Protein backbone atom coordinates (compact mmCIF):
# COMPACT_ATOMS: atom_id res chain seq x y z
CA GLN A 1 0.04 0.33 -0.28
CA VAL A 2 1.07 3.53 -1.02
CA GLN A 3 0.24 7.14 0.76
CA VAL A 4 0.71 10.22 -0.72
CA VAL A 5 0.10 13.26 1.77
CA GLU A 6 0.15 17.68 0.41
CA SER A 7 0.86 20.27 1.62
CA GLY A 8 1.50 24.23 1.80
CA GLY A 9 -1.48 25.27 0.28
CA GLY A 10 -3.55 28.45 1.38
CA LEU A 11 -4.67 31.47 0.46
CA VAL A 12 -2.17 33.81 -1.64
CA GLN A 13 -2.62 37.57 -3.36
CA PRO A 14 -2.45 37.49 -7.30
CA GLY A 15 1.78 37.40 -7.92
CA GLY A 16 2.59 35.91 -4.60
CA SER A 17 4.52 32.73 -4.88
CA LEU A 18 2.75 29.08 -2.84
CA ARG A 19 5.38 25.72 -2.88
CA LEU A 20 3.36 22.61 -2.08
CA SER A 21 5.08 19.25 -1.65
CA CYS A 22 3.88 15.65 -1.81
CA ALA A 23 5.33 13.68 0.47
CA ALA A 24 5.02 9.40 -0.87
CA SER A 25 5.36 6.25 1.95
CA GLY A 26 5.10 2.84 1.54
CA SER A 27 5.88 -0.13 0.03
CA LEU A 28 7.77 2.06 -2.67
CA PHE A 29 11.25 0.44 -3.36
CA GLY A 30 12.54 2.43 -5.94
CA VAL A 31 11.92 5.84 -7.83
CA TYR A 32 8.51 5.93 -9.18
CA PRO A 33 6.82 9.53 -12.09
CA MET A 34 5.48 11.27 -9.54
CA GLY A 35 3.06 14.80 -11.24
CA TRP A 36 0.65 17.73 -10.03
CA TYR A 37 -2.67 18.33 -11.14
CA ARG A 38 -5.38 20.11 -10.09
CA GLN A 39 -9.14 20.41 -10.24
CA VAL A 40 -11.80 23.10 -9.44
CA PRO A 41 -15.71 22.48 -9.46
CA GLY A 42 -17.49 21.00 -12.58
CA LYS A 43 -14.19 20.82 -14.92
CA GLN A 44 -12.07 17.99 -15.17
CA ARG A 45 -9.11 17.24 -12.99
CA GLU A 46 -5.53 18.61 -15.16
CA SER A 47 -2.43 17.93 -15.34
CA VAL A 48 0.18 20.76 -14.14
CA ALA A 49 2.91 19.51 -13.90
CA THR A 50 5.21 15.94 -14.04
CA ILE A 51 8.54 14.80 -13.87
CA SER A 52 9.59 11.49 -14.32
CA SER A 53 11.53 8.62 -12.58
CA VAL A 54 14.50 10.38 -13.93
CA ALA A 55 13.84 13.61 -12.84
CA THR A 56 12.41 14.97 -17.04
CA THR A 57 10.06 17.40 -16.35
CA ASN A 58 6.28 18.31 -17.58
CA TYR A 59 4.49 21.29 -17.51
CA ASP A 60 0.89 22.61 -18.95
CA ASP A 61 1.47 25.06 -20.98
CA SER A 62 -0.46 26.92 -18.48
CA VAL A 63 2.00 27.52 -16.23
CA LYS A 64 5.08 27.12 -18.06
CA GLY A 65 7.58 29.61 -17.05
CA ARG A 66 5.62 29.68 -13.46
CA PHE A 67 5.98 26.85 -11.51
CA THR A 68 9.16 24.21 -10.96
CA ILE A 69 8.41 20.76 -9.94
CA SER A 70 11.33 18.89 -8.39
CA ARG A 71 11.59 15.62 -5.99
CA ASP A 72 14.09 14.59 -3.27
CA ASN A 73 14.20 10.89 -4.27
CA ALA A 74 15.46 9.93 -0.46
CA LYS A 75 12.99 11.59 0.89
CA ASN A 76 10.04 10.07 -1.97
CA THR A 77 8.99 13.91 -1.77
CA VAL A 78 8.23 15.96 -4.92
CA TYR A 79 7.82 19.94 -4.88
CA LEU A 80 5.76 22.46 -6.56
CA GLN A 81 7.09 26.02 -6.55
CA MET A 82 4.56 28.44 -7.95
CA ASN A 83 5.90 31.97 -8.29
CA SER A 84 3.80 34.64 -9.96
CA LEU A 85 0.62 32.95 -9.28
CA GLU A 86 -2.05 34.17 -10.90
CA PRO A 87 -6.53 34.47 -9.99
CA GLU A 88 -6.64 31.35 -12.81
CA ASP A 89 -4.25 29.29 -10.90
CA THR A 90 -6.90 28.48 -8.20
CA ALA A 91 -7.83 25.08 -7.11
CA VAL A 92 -7.33 21.75 -6.04
CA TYR A 93 -4.43 20.91 -6.39
CA TYR A 94 -3.15 16.76 -6.09
CA CYS A 95 -0.34 14.90 -6.20
CA LYS A 96 -0.13 11.31 -7.85
CA ILE A 97 2.95 8.44 -8.01
CA LYS A 98 2.52 6.44 -10.38
CA VAL A 99 3.30 2.88 -8.99
CA LEU A 100 3.73 -0.80 -10.98
CA GLY A 101 0.71 0.42 -13.36
CA ARG A 102 -1.27 1.95 -10.72
CA ASP A 103 -2.29 5.64 -9.57
CA TYR A 104 -1.86 6.71 -5.67
CA TRP A 105 -4.08 10.26 -5.10
CA GLY A 106 -3.57 12.32 -2.18
CA GLN A 107 -5.56 14.22 -0.93
CA GLY A 108 -5.31 17.50 -2.08
CA THR A 109 -4.13 20.62 -0.73
CA GLN A 110 -6.65 23.87 -2.07
CA VAL A 111 -4.60 27.43 -3.22
CA THR A 112 -6.71 30.07 -4.36
CA VAL A 113 -5.21 33.20 -5.53
CA SER A 114 -7.82 36.67 -4.65
CA SER A 115 -6.75 39.67 -3.31
């Protein structure tokens, strides 16, 4: 079994920054692909940024140049540094880890960008 826990969400003004953290634990015996996704009410969950087991990154066009995903393999942790936040970034942010073909999700953390 694998557990995923996100932290770091909150309320921030437009133009501000937040750093999200995601820690995976449990039956982990290697380095696995991880990623951040977000969802707003009434819309499908969308990919924000992903990072492979060899640290190859991929970003949605809407966050390129503003968000940075990184990982600490020793801690099974992935981070999302979010800069120049916009009201459109408001969403629940979820972390996912893919282990042997199965997806494990966290409970989500709310990010609200508002003045």
